[in-house]
């Protein structure tokens, strides 16, 4: 029985392979050699190189001088079209969060069981900051941004203690759940209809940061974003 006969739309094998390469680069969060990429996604070296050259031609990956590959700027242009109304509403408040807290701020939306970053703003005047690129994703039941997307849902007996605490506090907190060493605080953007189009979050490394102050700032940004959506 073919995939189409089983009720699953037929797939393009080449497109699927290219998308898996992009997903792996996004998950890795660092430049990778072609051989590393091929091994990780289960592709022969020659196929991996051919796909990488095609992706590079469309500016979806960049090849660094040392021969490593990283996500390309072409993805940024594509990402701007995703939930553009929500991005436009959130943009000013992400910038305000960055200015107020000196931390990278970002917007996530839900895609199936994942929280996906669609917009990120980084500080420009700090000695160091966390880079968190659009396209980054993780399960909604892990990490503050994912938990924030779940916060407005009706409580369930099997909810994680962290989700229960997030509902009590008004914002979600996570420490090293998505990327080791990184901390995050997030709050849901709740629409007028009660829906959750996204969540606002910040990511940082300072273990002495005032989580309460950060949480209040993130909640304010999420509420202003919701108001801007109308």
Protein backbone atom coordinates (compact mmCIF):
# COMPACT_ATOMS: atom_id res chain seq x y z
CA UNK A 1 0.00 0.00 0.00
CA UNK A 2 1.39 3.42 -0.92
CA UNK A 3 1.45 6.42 1.38
CA UNK A 4 -1.32 8.01 -0.65
CA UNK A 5 -3.44 4.87 -0.34
CA UNK A 6 -2.92 4.88 3.42
CA UNK A 7 -4.43 8.35 3.60
CA UNK A 8 -1.13 10.21 3.87
CA UNK A 9 -0.34 12.78 1.16
CA UNK A 10 2.57 11.69 -1.07
CA UNK A 11 5.88 13.32 -0.19
CA UNK A 12 8.76 14.67 -2.20
CA UNK A 13 11.79 12.78 -0.94
CA UNK A 14 14.19 15.53 -1.99
CA UNK A 15 12.14 18.26 -0.31
CA UNK A 16 11.78 16.14 2.82
CA UNK A 17 15.55 15.66 3.00
CA UNK A 18 16.23 19.36 2.56
CA UNK A 19 13.74 20.27 5.27
CA UNK A 20 15.29 17.74 7.64
CA UNK A 21 18.67 19.38 7.09
CA UNK A 22 17.21 22.79 7.99
CA UNK A 23 15.46 21.36 11.05
CA UNK A 24 18.68 19.73 12.23
CA UNK A 25 20.68 22.95 11.83
CA UNK A 26 18.01 24.84 13.76
CA UNK A 27 18.01 22.25 16.56
CA UNK A 28 21.82 22.16 16.74
CA UNK A 29 22.08 25.91 17.22
CA UNK A 30 25.67 25.97 15.94
CA UNK A 31 27.55 25.62 12.63
CA UNK A 32 28.02 22.03 11.48
CA UNK A 33 30.22 20.26 8.97
CA UNK A 34 28.46 18.62 6.03
CA UNK A 35 29.54 15.18 7.28
CA UNK A 36 27.95 15.86 10.67
CA UNK A 37 24.72 16.91 9.02
CA UNK A 38 24.62 13.89 6.74
CA UNK A 39 25.23 11.48 9.60
CA UNK A 40 22.57 13.11 11.76
CA UNK A 41 19.83 12.99 9.11
CA UNK A 42 20.93 9.66 7.59
CA UNK A 43 22.05 10.83 4.16
CA UNK A 44 24.99 9.82 1.97
CA UNK A 45 27.75 12.41 1.75
CA UNK A 46 27.16 13.20 -1.93
CA UNK A 47 23.42 13.72 -1.40
CA UNK A 48 24.10 15.92 1.62
CA UNK A 49 26.52 18.14 -0.33
CA UNK A 50 24.09 18.44 -3.24
CA UNK A 51 21.23 19.46 -0.97
CA UNK A 52 23.40 21.92 0.95
CA UNK A 53 24.50 23.58 -2.29
CA UNK A 54 20.86 23.95 -3.35
CA UNK A 55 19.87 25.39 0.02
CA UNK A 56 22.86 27.73 -0.12
CA UNK A 57 21.77 28.93 -3.55
CA UNK A 58 18.44 29.97 -2.04
CA UNK A 59 20.20 31.60 0.96
CA UNK A 60 18.56 29.12 3.32
CA UNK A 61 21.98 28.02 4.59
CA UNK A 62 25.31 29.82 4.68
CA UNK A 63 28.70 28.16 4.19
CA UNK A 64 31.32 29.57 6.55
CA UNK A 65 35.00 30.00 5.59
CA UNK A 66 35.91 26.91 7.64
CA UNK A 67 33.48 24.84 5.60
CA UNK A 68 30.76 24.59 8.20
CA UNK A 69 27.12 25.31 7.47
CA UNK A 70 24.62 27.41 9.39
CA UNK A 71 21.10 28.67 8.78
CA UNK A 72 20.98 31.43 6.18
CA UNK A 73 19.45 34.88 6.12
CA UNK A 74 16.90 33.74 3.56
CA UNK A 75 15.01 32.06 6.39
CA UNK A 76 14.58 35.42 8.08
CA UNK A 77 12.76 36.76 5.04
CA UNK A 78 10.50 33.72 4.99
CA UNK A 79 9.84 33.96 8.73
CA UNK A 80 8.61 37.53 8.39
CA UNK A 81 5.59 36.21 6.51
CA UNK A 82 4.57 33.80 9.27
CA UNK A 83 1.73 35.20 11.41
CA UNK A 84 2.68 38.64 10.13
CA UNK A 85 -0.14 40.36 12.02
CA UNK A 86 1.00 38.83 15.29
CA UNK A 87 4.63 39.69 14.56
CA UNK A 88 3.69 43.29 13.81
CA UNK A 89 1.75 43.54 17.07
CA UNK A 90 4.54 41.98 19.13
CA UNK A 91 7.55 43.70 17.54
CA UNK A 92 7.46 47.02 19.44
CA UNK A 93 7.00 45.28 22.80
CA UNK A 94 9.83 42.84 22.13
CA UNK A 95 12.10 45.81 21.47
CA UNK A 96 10.89 47.44 24.69
CA UNK A 97 11.65 44.26 26.64
CA UNK A 98 15.15 44.14 25.19
CA UNK A 99 15.76 47.76 26.15
CA UNK A 100 14.32 47.29 29.64
CA UNK A 101 15.91 43.95 30.53
CA UNK A 102 18.98 43.73 28.28
CA UNK A 103 17.91 40.20 27.30
CA UNK A 104 16.98 38.53 24.04
CA UNK A 105 13.20 38.62 23.61
CA UNK A 106 11.19 36.50 21.21
CA UNK A 107 7.74 35.49 20.02
CA UNK A 108 6.65 31.86 19.76
CA UNK A 109 3.59 30.25 18.20
CA UNK A 110 2.24 26.74 18.47
CA UNK A 111 2.75 24.31 15.61
CA UNK A 112 1.29 20.93 16.49
CA UNK A 113 3.05 19.84 19.66
CA UNK A 114 5.89 22.34 19.32
CA UNK A 115 6.56 25.95 20.29
CA UNK A 116 8.23 27.62 17.31
CA UNK A 117 10.09 30.94 17.41
CA UNK A 118 8.89 33.28 14.64
CA UNK A 119 10.44 36.58 15.74
CA UNK A 120 13.49 37.39 17.88
CA UNK A 121 15.07 40.66 19.01
CA UNK A 122 18.58 40.73 20.49
CA UNK A 123 20.29 43.45 22.56
CA UNK A 124 22.75 45.59 20.63
CA UNK A 125 24.53 47.29 23.51
CA UNK A 126 25.40 44.45 25.90
CA UNK A 127 28.75 42.74 26.32
CA UNK A 128 27.12 39.35 25.69
CA UNK A 129 23.67 37.99 25.00
CA UNK A 130 21.89 34.79 24.00
CA UNK A 131 21.20 34.24 20.30
CA UNK A 132 17.78 32.66 19.74
CA UNK A 133 16.91 32.48 16.05
CA UNK A 134 13.53 32.23 14.33
CA UNK A 135 12.78 28.63 13.46
CA UNK A 136 13.96 27.30 16.82
CA UNK A 137 11.44 24.82 18.19
CA UNK A 138 10.85 22.60 21.19
CA UNK A 139 7.91 20.62 22.64
CA UNK A 140 5.23 22.71 24.29
CA UNK A 141 5.51 20.71 27.50
CA UNK A 142 9.13 21.77 27.95
CA UNK A 143 10.58 25.25 28.41
CA UNK A 144 8.87 28.46 29.52
CA UNK A 145 7.62 29.47 26.04
CA UNK A 146 5.90 26.12 25.54
CA UNK A 147 4.38 26.17 29.01
CA UNK A 148 3.14 29.73 28.41
CA UNK A 149 1.21 28.52 25.36
CA UNK A 150 -0.47 25.92 27.58
CA UNK A 151 -1.25 28.21 30.51
CA UNK A 152 -4.75 29.38 29.41
CA UNK A 153 -5.96 25.81 28.81
CA UNK A 154 -8.22 24.18 31.39
CA UNK A 155 -6.17 22.51 34.16
CA UNK A 156 -5.77 18.75 33.97
CA UNK A 157 -4.79 16.24 36.68
CA UNK A 158 -1.57 15.33 34.88
CA UNK A 159 -0.34 18.92 34.38
CA UNK A 160 3.31 19.39 35.26
CA UNK A 161 3.96 21.18 38.56
CA UNK A 162 5.79 23.86 36.54
CA UNK A 163 2.62 24.51 34.51
CA UNK A 164 0.52 24.68 37.67
CA UNK A 165 2.97 27.18 39.17
CA UNK A 166 2.95 29.22 35.96
CA UNK A 167 -0.82 29.60 36.17
CA UNK A 168 -0.54 30.78 39.76
CA UNK A 169 2.27 33.25 39.02
CA UNK A 170 0.98 34.53 35.69
CA UNK A 171 4.18 33.61 33.83
CA UNK A 172 6.18 30.46 33.15
CA UNK A 173 9.80 29.87 34.18
CA UNK A 174 12.28 27.25 32.99
CA UNK A 175 15.93 26.52 33.69
CA UNK A 176 17.96 24.48 31.23
CA UNK A 177 15.00 22.49 29.90
CA UNK A 178 15.57 23.37 26.23
CA UNK A 179 19.21 24.45 26.16
CA UNK A 180 21.51 23.63 29.08
CA UNK A 181 22.50 26.69 31.09
CA UNK A 182 19.80 28.97 29.69
CA UNK A 183 16.89 30.37 31.65
CA UNK A 184 13.64 31.63 30.21
CA UNK A 185 10.51 33.47 31.33
CA UNK A 186 7.39 33.59 29.17
CA UNK A 187 3.75 34.69 29.20
CA UNK A 188 0.86 33.89 26.84
CA UNK A 189 -0.68 36.38 24.44
CA UNK A 190 -4.39 35.85 25.10
CA UNK A 191 -6.73 37.13 22.40
CA UNK A 192 -10.10 38.77 22.94
CA UNK A 193 -11.74 35.43 22.07
CA UNK A 194 -9.70 33.60 24.69
CA UNK A 195 -7.45 32.03 22.08
CA UNK A 196 -3.67 31.95 22.41
CA UNK A 197 -2.05 33.11 19.15
CA UNK A 198 1.40 33.09 20.71
CA UNK A 199 3.61 33.76 23.71
CA UNK A 200 6.24 36.37 24.56
CA UNK A 201 9.48 35.19 26.16
CA UNK A 202 12.98 36.24 27.16
CA UNK A 203 16.06 34.05 27.49
CA UNK A 204 19.13 34.75 29.64
CA UNK A 205 21.95 33.17 31.68
CA UNK A 206 22.12 35.36 34.81
CA UNK A 207 21.12 33.12 37.72
CA UNK A 208 20.84 36.17 39.99
CA UNK A 209 18.30 37.98 37.80
CA UNK A 210 15.05 39.05 39.48
CA UNK A 211 12.59 36.53 38.03
CA UNK A 212 9.58 38.36 39.47
CA UNK A 213 10.55 41.63 37.80
CA UNK A 214 11.24 39.81 34.53
CA UNK A 215 7.91 38.01 34.73
CA UNK A 216 5.97 41.21 35.27
CA UNK A 217 7.71 42.85 32.31
CA UNK A 218 7.01 39.88 30.04
CA UNK A 219 3.35 39.73 31.10
CA UNK A 220 2.99 43.44 30.34
CA UNK A 221 4.50 42.92 26.87
CA UNK A 222 2.15 40.00 26.21
CA UNK A 223 -0.88 42.04 27.26
CA UNK A 224 0.15 44.99 25.08
CA UNK A 225 0.62 42.62 22.17
CA UNK A 226 -2.87 41.21 22.69
CA UNK A 227 -4.29 44.75 22.83
CA UNK A 228 -2.53 45.65 19.58
CA UNK A 229 -4.10 42.62 17.90
CA UNK A 230 -7.53 43.96 18.85
